[in-house]
Amino acid sequence: MAAKNGNTSSGRATEEIALGIRRRVFEHSMRNGGGYLSQACSAAEQFAWLYNEELRLGEPTLPMVPNLFAGVPSANNLGYHTGAGYNGPAEPGYDRLIIAPAHYALVAYATLIEVGRMAPAGLKMFNKDGSSVEMIGAEHSPGMEVHNGTLGIGLSTGAGLAIGRKRRGESGRVWVYMSDGEVQEGQTWEAVQAAAHHEIDNLYAMMDVNKQQCDGAMETVMRVGNVARKLADFGAAVVEIDGHDLEAMRLAVKMQHPGKPLIILAHSSPFRGMRILERRFPRLHYVRFDSEEERSEMNAAISTELGITPVRLPAS
């Protein structure tokens, strides 16, 4: 299942996987009265490309149907594990992935299913008592290696892991998946600066620039200015792309960046594939339905755009 040099890991087209991610998140959200729809709109191609083409991963080491929460790590808890096993073993030649915005967990779970790393039944465990399939991903959740619930610490985590791997001579890279809301956090800028200073060039980041965060549109919460220029000034190698353009991703990762981390700014739309969400702007972080009528209307509209049968909604 490992992927490198543009070869797909699942045997499926990456475009098909991106569509599948959106469909799963949409269907889940409709059945459960709400969900992280805009993140699936903006990030589906990015997750699909990473998992299906770019990441060098081994076979999963955890069950297809996730285990229940096994408790916190301790010397006496031999059953503890992180969710990184869904990305394969932590061996020197394989890549590691840090998913920084923990609220993208639903999108990450849908991706794992689409690329054959987790069973569809795993999504039915989402946000259930005793489940490891958390609503806000934790270190034991499928695909997660560390807890990044405090937004802005993911790039620091990745940088630390990357410098350790570099000093041990490991060939595997460290990828960090980020959201643009994290540039409103000072620790992100410290991480970029430190990575450049220590020449951590085995560190790669994909930033979903959808101009949204939990409190609304980015610009209404805190203006961040020219992020690309600032990242470059702090020492990163930066590429700006259309976050839905797979060929642009394939080209961006080829940029030579000796002595610098590579950060790909993927400008995306939080309405991609679900245009009816635009009327909810700027309340897009977690979409709840204002009424059963709105839920039914969105069900019909989004199903048409995604090319699937509307979800059979429970009787109200």
C-alpha atoms as a PDB file:
ATOM      1  CA  MET A   1       0.000   0.000   0.000  1.00  0.00           C
ATOM      2  CA  ALA A   2       3.022   2.305   0.060  1.00  0.00           C
ATOM      3  CA  ALA A   3       2.960   5.118  -2.478  1.00  0.00           C
ATOM      4  CA  LYS A   4       5.763   7.120  -4.057  1.00  0.00           C
ATOM      5  CA  ASN A   5       6.700   8.905  -7.264  1.00  0.00           C
ATOM      6  CA  GLY A   6       3.091   9.639  -8.207  1.00  0.00           C
ATOM      7  CA  ASN A   7       1.852   6.048  -8.188  1.00  0.00           C
ATOM      8  CA  THR A   8      -1.533   5.608  -6.534  1.00  0.00           C
ATOM      9  CA  SER A   9      -1.583   3.428  -3.449  1.00  0.00           C
ATOM     10  CA  SER A  10      -5.191   2.235  -3.688  1.00  0.00           C
ATOM     11  CA  GLY A  11      -5.557   1.553  -7.405  1.00  0.00           C
ATOM     12  CA  ARG A  12      -8.248   4.266  -7.555  1.00  0.00           C
ATOM     13  CA  ALA A  13      -8.063   7.683  -9.146  1.00  0.00           C
ATOM     14  CA  THR A  14      -7.313  10.426  -6.646  1.00  0.00           C
ATOM     15  CA  GLU A  15     -10.203  12.497  -8.028  1.00  0.00           C
ATOM     16  CA  GLU A  16     -12.559   9.617  -7.243  1.00  0.00           C
ATOM     17  CA  ILE A  17     -11.232   9.373  -3.694  1.00  0.00           C
ATOM     18  CA  ALA A  18     -11.727  13.124  -3.140  1.00  0.00           C
ATOM     19  CA  LEU A  19     -15.346  12.809  -4.265  1.00  0.00           C
ATOM     20  CA  GLY A  20     -15.776   9.777  -1.996  1.00  0.00           C
ATOM     21  CA  ILE A  21     -14.480  11.775   0.981  1.00  0.00           C
ATOM     22  CA  ARG A  22     -17.051  14.509   0.411  1.00  0.00           C
ATOM     23  CA  ARG A  23     -19.844  11.982  -0.017  1.00  0.00           C
ATOM     24  CA  ARG A  24     -19.024  10.165   3.226  1.00  0.00           C
ATOM     25  CA  VAL A  25     -18.785  13.362   5.248  1.00  0.00           C
ATOM     26  CA  PHE A  26     -22.027  14.644   3.721  1.00  0.00           C
ATOM     27  CA  GLU A  27     -23.939  11.428   4.365  1.00  0.00           C
ATOM     28  CA  HIS A  28     -22.649  11.222   7.930  1.00  0.00           C
ATOM     29  CA  SER A  29     -23.587  14.847   8.614  1.00  0.00           C
ATOM     30  CA  MET A  30     -27.068  14.453   7.220  1.00  0.00           C
ATOM     31  CA  ARG A  31     -27.760  11.361   9.290  1.00  0.00           C
ATOM     32  CA  ASN A  32     -26.359  12.887  12.462  1.00  0.00           C
ATOM     33  CA  GLY A  33     -27.881  16.345  12.313  1.00  0.00           C
ATOM     34  CA  GLY A  34     -24.704  18.227  11.420  1.00  0.00           C
ATOM     35  CA  GLY A  35     -21.007  17.900  10.785  1.00  0.00           C
ATOM     36  CA  TYR A  36     -17.768  19.325   9.460  1.00  0.00           C
ATOM     37  CA  LEU A  37     -19.002  19.839   5.925  1.00  0.00           C
ATOM     38  CA  SER A  38     -16.918  22.849   4.918  1.00  0.00           C
ATOM     39  CA  GLN A  39     -13.676  21.065   5.839  1.00  0.00           C
ATOM     40  CA  ALA A  40     -14.600  18.236   3.469  1.00  0.00           C
ATOM     41  CA  CYS A  41     -15.325  20.830   0.792  1.00  0.00           C
ATOM     42  CA  SER A  42     -11.954  22.530   1.136  1.00  0.00           C
ATOM     43  CA  ALA A  43      -9.677  19.625   2.037  1.00  0.00           C
ATOM     44  CA  ALA A  44     -10.864  16.554   0.112  1.00  0.00           C
ATOM     45  CA  GLU A  45      -8.364  16.809  -2.756  1.00  0.00           C
ATOM     46  CA  GLN A  46      -5.520  17.560  -0.368  1.00  0.00           C
ATOM     47  CA  PHE A  47      -6.181  14.509   1.825  1.00  0.00           C
ATOM     48  CA  ALA A  48      -6.810  12.327  -1.218  1.00  0.00           C
ATOM     49  CA  TRP A  49      -3.523  13.365  -2.838  1.00  0.00           C
ATOM     50  CA  LEU A  50      -1.502  12.883   0.330  1.00  0.00           C
ATOM     51  CA  TYR A  51      -2.841   9.414   1.078  1.00  0.00           C
ATOM     52  CA  ASN A  52      -3.267   8.097  -2.443  1.00  0.00           C
ATOM     53  CA  GLU A  53      -0.147   9.477  -4.083  1.00  0.00           C
ATOM     54  CA  GLU A  54       2.404  11.302  -1.998  1.00  0.00           C
ATOM     55  CA  LEU A  55       2.803   9.724   1.423  1.00  0.00           C
ATOM     56  CA  ARG A  56       5.117   6.729   1.662  1.00  0.00           C
ATOM     57  CA  LEU A  57       3.253   4.535   4.128  1.00  0.00           C
ATOM     58  CA  GLY A  58       3.365   0.896   5.126  1.00  0.00           C
ATOM     59  CA  GLU A  59       0.432  -1.417   5.695  1.00  0.00           C
ATOM     60  CA  PRO A  60      -1.833  -0.517   8.654  1.00  0.00           C
ATOM     61  CA  THR A  61      -0.890  -2.161  11.943  1.00  0.00           C
ATOM     62  CA  LEU A  62      -4.280  -1.669  13.630  1.00  0.00           C
ATOM     63  CA  PRO A  63      -7.625  -3.432  13.028  1.00  0.00           C
ATOM     64  CA  MET A  64      -9.832  -2.234  10.184  1.00  0.00           C
ATOM     65  CA  VAL A  65     -12.613  -1.686  12.717  1.00  0.00           C
ATOM     66  CA  PRO A  66     -11.060   0.547  15.382  1.00  0.00           C
ATOM     67  CA  ASN A  67     -10.575  -0.658  18.919  1.00  0.00           C
ATOM     68  CA  LEU A  68     -12.393   1.058  21.747  1.00  0.00           C
ATOM     69  CA  PHE A  69     -10.526   3.674  23.751  1.00  0.00           C
ATOM     70  CA  ALA A  70      -7.821   1.791  25.658  1.00  0.00           C
ATOM     71  CA  GLY A  71      -7.015   4.420  28.244  1.00  0.00           C
ATOM     72  CA  VAL A  72      -4.178   6.891  28.620  1.00  0.00           C
ATOM     73  CA  PRO A  73      -0.521   5.867  28.240  1.00  0.00           C
ATOM     74  CA  SER A  74       1.193   4.522  31.326  1.00  0.00           C
ATOM     75  CA  ALA A  75       3.715   1.868  32.293  1.00  0.00           C
ATOM     76  CA  ASN A  76       0.855  -0.391  33.341  1.00  0.00           C
ATOM     77  CA  ASN A  77      -1.300   0.089  30.264  1.00  0.00           C
ATOM     78  CA  LEU A  78       0.090  -2.348  27.729  1.00  0.00           C
ATOM     79  CA  GLY A  79      -2.976  -1.964  25.519  1.00  0.00           C
ATOM     80  CA  TYR A  80      -2.359   1.703  24.792  1.00  0.00           C
ATOM     81  CA  HIS A  81      -1.607   2.772  21.230  1.00  0.00           C
ATOM     82  CA  THR A  82      -1.842   5.888  19.109  1.00  0.00           C
ATOM     83  CA  GLY A  83      -3.973   6.024  15.975  1.00  0.00           C
ATOM     84  CA  ALA A  84      -0.863   6.338  13.788  1.00  0.00           C
ATOM     85  CA  GLY A  85      -0.983   2.603  13.147  1.00  0.00           C
ATOM     86  CA  TYR A  86      -3.573   3.319  10.451  1.00  0.00           C
ATOM     87  CA  ASN A  87      -0.755   5.081   8.606  1.00  0.00           C
ATOM     88  CA  GLY A  88       1.476   2.029   8.925  1.00  0.00           C
ATOM     89  CA  PRO A  89       4.518   1.277  11.077  1.00  0.00           C
ATOM     90  CA  ALA A  90       6.858   4.018  12.290  1.00  0.00           C
ATOM     91  CA  GLU A  91       9.848   2.636  10.407  1.00  0.00           C
ATOM     92  CA  PRO A  92      12.797   4.765   9.216  1.00  0.00           C
ATOM     93  CA  GLY A  93      11.901   4.713   5.526  1.00  0.00           C
ATOM     94  CA  TYR A  94       8.221   5.554   5.902  1.00  0.00           C
ATOM     95  CA  ASP A  95       6.703   9.009   6.176  1.00  0.00           C
ATOM     96  CA  ARG A  96       4.926  10.243   9.299  1.00  0.00           C
ATOM     97  CA  LEU A  97       1.814  12.426   9.217  1.00  0.00           C
ATOM     98  CA  ILE A  98       0.768  14.922  11.879  1.00  0.00           C
ATOM     99  CA  ILE A  99      -2.805  16.183  11.459  1.00  0.00           C
ATOM    100  CA  ALA A 100      -2.699  19.515  13.242  1.00  0.00           C
ATOM    101  CA  PRO A 101      -6.353  20.703  13.120  1.00  0.00           C
ATOM    102  CA  ALA A 102      -8.064  18.023  15.190  1.00  0.00           C
ATOM    103  CA  HIS A 103     -11.481  19.182  13.967  1.00  0.00           C
ATOM    104  CA  TYR A 104     -10.621  17.754  10.538  1.00  0.00           C
ATOM    105  CA  ALA A 105     -10.937  14.287  12.091  1.00  0.00           C
ATOM    106  CA  LEU A 106     -14.154  13.417  10.238  1.00  0.00           C
ATOM    107  CA  VAL A 107     -12.439  14.204   6.929  1.00  0.00           C
ATOM    108  CA  ALA A 108      -9.422  12.130   7.963  1.00  0.00           C
ATOM    109  CA  TYR A 109     -11.602   9.136   8.881  1.00  0.00           C
ATOM    110  CA  ALA A 110     -13.439   9.358   5.554  1.00  0.00           C
ATOM    111  CA  THR A 111     -10.059   9.404   3.808  1.00  0.00           C
ATOM    112  CA  LEU A 112      -8.826   6.306   5.635  1.00  0.00           C
ATOM    113  CA  ILE A 113     -11.962   4.465   4.520  1.00  0.00           C
ATOM    114  CA  GLU A 114     -11.652   5.628   0.917  1.00  0.00           C
ATOM    115  CA  VAL A 115      -8.046   4.419   0.628  1.00  0.00           C
ATOM    116  CA  GLY A 116      -8.776   1.103   2.361  1.00  0.00           C
ATOM    117  CA  ARG A 117      -7.048   1.739   5.680  1.00  0.00           C
ATOM    118  CA  MET A 118     -10.166   1.664   7.871  1.00  0.00           C
ATOM    119  CA  ALA A 119     -13.482  -0.166   7.551  1.00  0.00           C
ATOM    120  CA  PRO A 120     -16.664   1.855   6.871  1.00  0.00           C
ATOM    121  CA  ALA A 121     -18.013   0.479  10.148  1.00  0.00           C
ATOM    122  CA  GLY A 122     -15.443   2.622  11.932  1.00  0.00           C
ATOM    123  CA  LEU A 123     -17.338   5.779  11.023  1.00  0.00           C
ATOM    124  CA  LYS A 124     -20.412   4.464  12.832  1.00  0.00           C
ATOM    125  CA  MET A 125     -18.347   4.680  16.031  1.00  0.00           C
ATOM    126  CA  PHE A 126     -17.867   8.421  15.546  1.00  0.00           C
ATOM    127  CA  ASN A 127     -18.332  10.379  18.791  1.00  0.00           C
ATOM    128  CA  LYS A 128     -19.794   7.382  20.645  1.00  0.00           C
ATOM    129  CA  ASP A 129     -19.069   6.834  24.336  1.00  0.00           C
ATOM    130  CA  GLY A 130     -16.000   4.634  24.753  1.00  0.00           C
ATOM    131  CA  SER A 131     -14.966   4.969  21.108  1.00  0.00           C
ATOM    132  CA  SER A 132     -11.518   5.931  19.860  1.00  0.00           C
ATOM    133  CA  VAL A 133     -13.128   7.548  16.789  1.00  0.00           C
ATOM    134  CA  GLU A 134     -13.344  10.938  18.429  1.00  0.00           C
ATOM    135  CA  MET A 135     -15.273  13.916  17.083  1.00  0.00           C
ATOM    136  CA  ILE A 136     -12.198  16.068  17.764  1.00  0.00           C
ATOM    137  CA  GLY A 137      -9.326  13.754  16.939  1.00  0.00           C
ATOM    138  CA  ALA A 138      -7.039  12.707  19.797  1.00  0.00           C
ATOM    139  CA  GLU A 139      -3.771  10.767  19.791  1.00  0.00           C
ATOM    140  CA  HIS A 140      -5.646   7.442  19.960  1.00  0.00           C
ATOM    141  CA  SER A 141      -7.996   8.295  17.071  1.00  0.00           C
ATOM    142  CA  PRO A 142      -7.507   6.626  13.650  1.00  0.00           C
ATOM    143  CA  GLY A 143      -4.811   8.410  11.665  1.00  0.00           C
ATOM    144  CA  MET A 144      -3.708  10.571  14.588  1.00  0.00           C
ATOM    145  CA  GLU A 145      -0.311  10.280  16.242  1.00  0.00           C
ATOM    146  CA  VAL A 146      -0.424  13.111  18.759  1.00  0.00           C
ATOM    147  CA  HIS A 147      -3.092  15.333  20.277  1.00  0.00           C
ATOM    148  CA  ASN A 148      -3.273  18.706  18.568  1.00  0.00           C
ATOM    149  CA  GLY A 149      -6.457  20.020  20.133  1.00  0.00           C
ATOM    150  CA  THR A 150      -4.674  23.258  21.019  1.00  0.00           C
ATOM    151  CA  LEU A 151      -4.552  24.798  17.562  1.00  0.00           C
ATOM    152  CA  GLY A 152      -1.091  25.894  16.512  1.00  0.00           C
ATOM    153  CA  ILE A 153       1.106  23.177  18.038  1.00  0.00           C
ATOM    154  CA  GLY A 154       1.097  20.779  15.090  1.00  0.00           C
ATOM    155  CA  LEU A 155       3.972  22.309  13.134  1.00  0.00           C
ATOM    156  CA  SER A 156       6.127  22.407  16.276  1.00  0.00           C
ATOM    157  CA  THR A 157       5.377  18.739  16.854  1.00  0.00           C
ATOM    158  CA  GLY A 158       6.288  17.890  13.284  1.00  0.00           C
ATOM    159  CA  ALA A 159       9.484  19.939  13.405  1.00  0.00           C
ATOM    160  CA  GLY A 160      10.652  18.161  16.547  1.00  0.00           C
ATOM    161  CA  LEU A 161       9.916  14.772  15.052  1.00  0.00           C
ATOM    162  CA  ALA A 162      11.631  15.733  11.791  1.00  0.00           C
ATOM    163  CA  ILE A 163      14.855  16.928  13.385  1.00  0.00           C
ATOM    164  CA  GLY A 164      15.023  13.733  15.420  1.00  0.00           C
ATOM    165  CA  ARG A 165      14.558  11.640  12.288  1.00  0.00           C
ATOM    166  CA  LYS A 166      17.194  13.647  10.446  1.00  0.00           C
ATOM    167  CA  ARG A 167      19.754  13.175  13.224  1.00  0.00           C
ATOM    168  CA  ARG A 168      19.102   9.427  13.205  1.00  0.00           C
ATOM    169  CA  GLY A 169      19.608   9.320   9.455  1.00  0.00           C
ATOM    170  CA  GLU A 170      16.065   8.191   8.671  1.00  0.00           C
ATOM    171  CA  SER A 171      14.952   8.720   5.088  1.00  0.00           C
ATOM    172  CA  GLY A 172      11.258   9.088   5.913  1.00  0.00           C
ATOM    173  CA  ARG A 173       9.784  12.571   5.821  1.00  0.00           C
ATOM    174  CA  VAL A 174       7.447  14.274   8.294  1.00  0.00           C
ATOM    175  CA  TRP A 175       4.303  15.806   6.842  1.00  0.00           C
ATOM    176  CA  VAL A 176       2.083  18.202   8.786  1.00  0.00           C
ATOM    177  CA  TYR A 177      -1.456  18.873   7.650  1.00  0.00           C
ATOM    178  CA  MET A 178      -2.494  22.368   8.797  1.00  0.00           C
ATOM    179  CA  SER A 179      -5.288  24.887   8.541  1.00  0.00           C
ATOM    180  CA  ASP A 180      -4.769  28.586   7.892  1.00  0.00           C
ATOM    181  CA  GLY A 181      -6.324  29.440  11.268  1.00  0.00           C
ATOM    182  CA  GLU A 182      -3.025  28.308  12.762  1.00  0.00           C
ATOM    183  CA  VAL A 183      -1.174  31.347  11.445  1.00  0.00           C
ATOM    184  CA  GLN A 184      -3.123  33.327  14.032  1.00  0.00           C
ATOM    185  CA  GLU A 185      -1.123  31.448  16.685  1.00  0.00           C
ATOM    186  CA  GLY A 186       2.369  32.596  17.625  1.00  0.00           C
ATOM    187  CA  GLN A 187       3.734  29.092  18.110  1.00  0.00           C
ATOM    188  CA  THR A 188       3.298  28.390  14.413  1.00  0.00           C
ATOM    189  CA  TRP A 189       5.699  31.186  13.547  1.00  0.00           C
ATOM    190  CA  GLU A 190       8.210  30.026  16.149  1.00  0.00           C
ATOM    191  CA  ALA A 191       8.081  26.566  14.581  1.00  0.00           C
ATOM    192  CA  VAL A 192       8.803  27.910  11.095  1.00  0.00           C
ATOM    193  CA  GLN A 193      11.670  30.009  12.381  1.00  0.00           C
ATOM    194  CA  ALA A 194      13.181  27.132  14.360  1.00  0.00           C
ATOM    195  CA  ALA A 195      12.813  24.697  11.458  1.00  0.00           C
ATOM    196  CA  ALA A 196      14.637  27.097   9.160  1.00  0.00           C
ATOM    197  CA  HIS A 197      17.365  27.800  11.723  1.00  0.00           C
ATOM    198  CA  HIS A 198      18.025  24.091  12.246  1.00  0.00           C
ATOM    199  CA  GLU A 199      17.726  23.371   8.498  1.00  0.00           C
ATOM    200  CA  ILE A 200      14.948  20.838   8.953  1.00  0.00           C
ATOM    201  CA  ASP A 201      14.306  20.176   5.286  1.00  0.00           C
ATOM    202  CA  ASN A 202      12.655  16.789   5.823  1.00  0.00           C
ATOM    203  CA  LEU A 203       9.641  18.724   7.145  1.00  0.00           C
ATOM    204  CA  TYR A 204       6.747  19.268   4.743  1.00  0.00           C
ATOM    205  CA  ALA A 205       3.424  21.003   5.423  1.00  0.00           C
ATOM    206  CA  MET A 206       0.154  21.251   3.521  1.00  0.00           C
ATOM    207  CA  MET A 207      -1.925  24.206   4.718  1.00  0.00           C
ATOM    208  CA  ASP A 208      -5.617  24.330   3.842  1.00  0.00           C
ATOM    209  CA  VAL A 209      -6.176  28.034   3.187  1.00  0.00           C
ATOM    210  CA  ASN A 210      -9.965  28.201   3.235  1.00  0.00           C
ATOM    211  CA  LYS A 211     -10.038  31.554   5.090  1.00  0.00           C
ATOM    212  CA  GLN A 212     -12.254  30.117   7.838  1.00  0.00           C
ATOM    213  CA  GLN A 213     -11.795  29.330  11.507  1.00  0.00           C
ATOM    214  CA  CYS A 214     -14.090  28.328  14.356  1.00  0.00           C
ATOM    215  CA  ASP A 215     -15.190  31.888  15.125  1.00  0.00           C
ATOM    216  CA  GLY A 216     -15.936  32.806  11.525  1.00  0.00           C
ATOM    217  CA  ALA A 217     -14.091  34.247   8.563  1.00  0.00           C
ATOM    218  CA  MET A 218     -10.361  34.677   9.217  1.00  0.00           C
ATOM    219  CA  GLU A 219     -10.276  38.373   8.414  1.00  0.00           C
ATOM    220  CA  THR A 220     -13.031  39.161  10.927  1.00  0.00           C
ATOM    221  CA  VAL A 221     -11.161  37.413  13.755  1.00  0.00           C
ATOM    222  CA  MET A 222      -7.590  38.529  13.078  1.00  0.00           C
ATOM    223  CA  ARG A 223      -6.048  39.886   9.889  1.00  0.00           C
ATOM    224  CA  VAL A 224      -2.939  37.924   8.968  1.00  0.00           C
ATOM    225  CA  GLY A 225      -1.670  39.789   5.913  1.00  0.00           C
ATOM    226  CA  ASN A 226       0.482  38.144   3.255  1.00  0.00           C
ATOM    227  CA  VAL A 227       1.052  34.708   4.760  1.00  0.00           C
ATOM    228  CA  ALA A 228       3.268  33.456   1.924  1.00  0.00           C
ATOM    229  CA  ARG A 229       5.639  36.401   2.238  1.00  0.00           C
ATOM    230  CA  LYS A 230       5.774  36.104   6.019  1.00  0.00           C
ATOM    231  CA  LEU A 231       6.507  32.373   5.898  1.00  0.00           C
ATOM    232  CA  ALA A 232       9.317  33.020   3.427  1.00  0.00           C
ATOM    233  CA  ASP A 233      10.687  35.796   5.653  1.00  0.00           C
ATOM    234  CA  PHE A 234      10.701  33.348   8.564  1.00  0.00           C
ATOM    235  CA  GLY A 235      12.797  30.953   6.476  1.00  0.00           C
ATOM    236  CA  ALA A 236      10.415  28.488   4.839  1.00  0.00           C
ATOM    237  CA  ALA A 237      10.259  27.496   1.194  1.00  0.00           C
ATOM    238  CA  VAL A 238       6.702  28.350   0.106  1.00  0.00           C
ATOM    239  CA  VAL A 239       4.530  27.355  -2.828  1.00  0.00           C
ATOM    240  CA  GLU A 240       1.013  28.718  -3.373  1.00  0.00           C
ATOM    241  CA  ILE A 241      -1.444  26.542  -5.296  1.00  0.00           C
ATOM    242  CA  ASP A 242      -5.110  25.965  -5.983  1.00  0.00           C
ATOM    243  CA  GLY A 243      -6.045  23.559  -3.187  1.00  0.00           C
ATOM    244  CA  HIS A 244      -8.317  21.565  -5.504  1.00  0.00           C
ATOM    245  CA  ASP A 245      -5.753  21.181  -8.317  1.00  0.00           C
ATOM    246  CA  LEU A 246      -4.059  17.795  -8.031  1.00  0.00           C
ATOM    247  CA  GLU A 247      -1.492  18.509 -10.729  1.00  0.00           C
ATOM    248  CA  ALA A 248      -0.478  21.673  -8.869  1.00  0.00           C
ATOM    249  CA  MET A 249       0.147  19.561  -5.761  1.00  0.00           C
ATOM    250  CA  ARG A 250       2.259  17.129  -7.734  1.00  0.00           C
ATOM    251  CA  LEU A 251       4.396  19.967  -9.036  1.00  0.00           C
ATOM    252  CA  ALA A 252       4.611  21.857  -5.737  1.00  0.00           C
ATOM    253  CA  VAL A 253       6.154  18.961  -3.829  1.00  0.00           C
ATOM    254  CA  LYS A 254       8.989  18.782  -6.371  1.00  0.00           C
ATOM    255  CA  MET A 255      10.296  22.212  -5.356  1.00  0.00           C
ATOM    256  CA  GLN A 256      13.878  21.957  -4.145  1.00  0.00           C
ATOM    257  CA  HIS A 257      14.249  23.345  -0.614  1.00  0.00           C
ATOM    258  CA  PRO A 258      17.657  22.454   0.864  1.00  0.00           C
ATOM    259  CA  GLY A 259      17.945  23.581   4.460  1.00  0.00           C
ATOM    260  CA  LYS A 260      14.339  24.788   4.627  1.00  0.00           C
ATOM    261  CA  PRO A 261      10.952  23.284   5.457  1.00  0.00           C
ATOM    262  CA  LEU A 262       8.537  23.216   2.513  1.00  0.00           C
ATOM    263  CA  ILE A 263       5.085  24.692   3.115  1.00  0.00           C
ATOM    264  CA  ILE A 264       2.387  24.345   0.459  1.00  0.00           C
ATOM    265  CA  LEU A 265      -0.366  26.941   0.762  1.00  0.00           C
ATOM    266  CA  ALA A 266      -3.442  25.282  -0.747  1.00  0.00           C
ATOM    267  CA  HIS A 267      -6.029  27.996  -1.406  1.00  0.00           C
ATOM    268  CA  SER A 268      -9.422  26.310  -1.271  1.00  0.00           C
ATOM    269  CA  SER A 269     -13.165  26.872  -1.158  1.00  0.00           C
ATOM    270  CA  PRO A 270     -15.272  25.893   1.883  1.00  0.00           C
ATOM    271  CA  PHE A 271     -18.213  25.417  -0.517  1.00  0.00           C
ATOM    272  CA  ARG A 272     -16.549  23.113  -3.074  1.00  0.00           C
ATOM    273  CA  GLY A 273     -19.078  20.455  -4.083  1.00  0.00           C
ATOM    274  CA  MET A 274     -21.679  21.808  -1.647  1.00  0.00           C
ATOM    275  CA  ARG A 275     -22.490  25.294  -2.933  1.00  0.00           C
ATOM    276  CA  ILE A 276     -25.633  25.646  -0.839  1.00  0.00           C
ATOM    277  CA  LEU A 277     -23.336  26.083   2.181  1.00  0.00           C
ATOM    278  CA  GLU A 278     -22.358  29.523   0.890  1.00  0.00           C
ATOM    279  CA  ARG A 279     -25.559  30.975   2.279  1.00  0.00           C
ATOM    280  CA  ARG A 280     -24.444  29.914   5.778  1.00  0.00           C
ATOM    281  CA  PHE A 281     -21.292  32.058   5.565  1.00  0.00           C
ATOM    282  CA  PRO A 282     -19.575  32.869   7.892  1.00  0.00           C
ATOM    283  CA  ARG A 283     -21.054  30.155  10.185  1.00  0.00           C
ATOM    284  CA  LEU A 284     -19.247  27.271   8.530  1.00  0.00           C
ATOM    285  CA  HIS A 285     -17.001  25.671  11.147  1.00  0.00           C
ATOM    286  CA  TYR A 286     -19.583  23.080  12.197  1.00  0.00           C
ATOM    287  CA  VAL A 287     -22.796  23.017  10.201  1.00  0.00           C
ATOM    288  CA  ARG A 288     -25.954  22.432  12.218  1.00  0.00           C
ATOM    289  CA  PHE A 289     -29.332  22.623  10.543  1.00  0.00           C
ATOM    290  CA  ASP A 290     -31.633  25.409  11.650  1.00  0.00           C
ATOM    291  CA  SER A 291     -34.695  23.297  10.895  1.00  0.00           C
ATOM    292  CA  GLU A 292     -35.740  19.983   9.395  1.00  0.00           C
ATOM    293  CA  GLU A 293     -36.822  21.924   6.317  1.00  0.00           C
ATOM    294  CA  GLU A 294     -33.290  23.283   5.858  1.00  0.00           C
ATOM    295  CA  ARG A 295     -31.820  19.838   6.442  1.00  0.00           C
ATOM    296  CA  SER A 296     -34.072  18.365   3.738  1.00  0.00           C
ATOM    297  CA  GLU A 297     -33.276  21.214   1.363  1.00  0.00           C
ATOM    298  CA  MET A 298     -29.521  20.770   1.857  1.00  0.00           C
ATOM    299  CA  ASN A 299     -29.882  17.001   1.514  1.00  0.00           C
ATOM    300  CA  ALA A 300     -31.491  17.389  -1.899  1.00  0.00           C
ATOM    301  CA  ALA A 301     -29.168  20.145  -3.124  1.00  0.00           C
ATOM    302  CA  ILE A 302     -25.886  18.576  -2.050  1.00  0.00           C
ATOM    303  CA  SER A 303     -26.905  15.091  -3.215  1.00  0.00           C
ATOM    304  CA  THR A 304     -27.528  16.499  -6.675  1.00  0.00           C
ATOM    305  CA  GLU A 305     -24.162  18.253  -6.777  1.00  0.00           C
ATOM    306  CA  LEU A 306     -22.297  15.177  -5.530  1.00  0.00           C
ATOM    307  CA  GLY A 307     -24.224  12.901  -7.902  1.00  0.00           C
ATOM    308  CA  ILE A 308     -25.742  10.545  -5.325  1.00  0.00           C
ATOM    309  CA  THR A 309     -29.162   9.605  -3.986  1.00  0.00           C
ATOM    310  CA  PRO A 310     -30.315  11.868  -1.124  1.00  0.00           C
ATOM    311  CA  VAL A 311     -29.777  10.448   2.334  1.00  0.00           C
ATOM    312  CA  ARG A 312     -32.851   8.830   3.863  1.00  0.00           C
ATOM    313  CA  LEU A 313     -33.461  11.075   6.842  1.00  0.00           C
ATOM    314  CA  PRO A 314     -34.967   9.779  10.080  1.00  0.00           C
ATOM    315  CA  ALA A 315     -38.546  10.799  10.686  1.00  0.00           C
ATOM    316  CA  SER A 316     -38.777  13.961  12.767  1.00  0.00           C
END
